[in-house]
Structures are given as structure tokens and as C-alpha cells.
Amino acid sequence: MGVGALRCVVVNVTDLAVAEAFWSEVLGLPVIQSNYNGRFSYLGQLVPWKHEMILQLVAQPKGEEANRCHLDITVKDVDRAVEQIIRLGGTLRKAPSIYPRPGSFPGKPPVIDWAVMRDPFGNEFCLVSELIREESAAVEAVGHAATDREWRAAAGRTALSAPFQK
């Protein structure tokens, strides 16, 4: 048993309205009542009331330092999710890739396709899609010297490859 349970995620932002629109659309969570209007916004469930994310208004934008925490968001299609996030005002930080890369951790097969994004305030978060066993095997069959693009194509995870037969 842990010391506690995850309550919610807090993200520092410099514009509550932009953050509400962006994160509500990304996570499919509605904006719910906040007792601290102008300082915090909540995203979550109205009935029963439960906040899952707090958007905290701060004066200074994020600098180049790394995040102290981030969100991992499960998606079905990383490429499609990247496009959606960009349309919503986010940016790509690290292009989609396979993890772990074949050969990087001996005996550990590739398990995810993922990308790192930034919200409109520079906060980083990951888009993650789990590979099925056959996709993982197809990636490993390409070999250790391939590129992310070749591994993702072998798994059928790019628009440039035929979808993997599941």
C-alpha cells in the first residue's frame, strides 16, 4: 500500500481560458466549478463532483528547465494524437518513437509507441500507445540498427505504413 493515492494533476499556466479549452479537449474532461475563480480552474466530473486536474494561474511562463512532473496520456494512435494536439495549440517536443528501442535493454522487447508534446504554456506531456505482441515482434525483426521511422513502420504505427494486421 502506498503512502497516498493520486488526487489530481496540477499544471501551471499563464492563461486560464486557453488552458481550460486546451486541456478539456485533450482529456475529454469538462471544466467544473472552482471556488478560486481567477486563480485556479478545475477539470473533472460534475456528478459526483471530483477534480482530476487543477490549472493554476502563475505570472511567469515556464522556462527551459525540465518539468518536475508530467502527464502520460494513453492514446490509440500517436500520430493522430500529435496532429490533434497541434491543432489545439500544443507543439511537438520529441517525435514519435518506439520504447525501448530494440537492443537498448537486452531481453526487454519494445512495449510502447510514444511522443513528447508541449501544451500552449511549454508544459511537457507524453502520448503513449501500447504495442501488441505482434507489433513488438515486428519491430524487433527489423533489427537494432534501424531508425525510429523504420521500427514504427514495421509495427504499422505510421501513416507511411500499412496498418498492422491485429
Foldseek 3Di string as FASTA:
>chain_A
DDPDDQQAEEDEDADVVLVQQLVCVLPVWHWDDDPDPPAWTFTDDVVVDGGHYIYGHDNDFDDPDADPDAAEAEDAAAVVSQVVSVVSQKAFDFDWFWPPQPPPDPPDFTFWIKTWIAHNRRHIYMYIYTQDPCLRVQLPVVDRPDDRVVSCQSSQRDPVHHHDDD
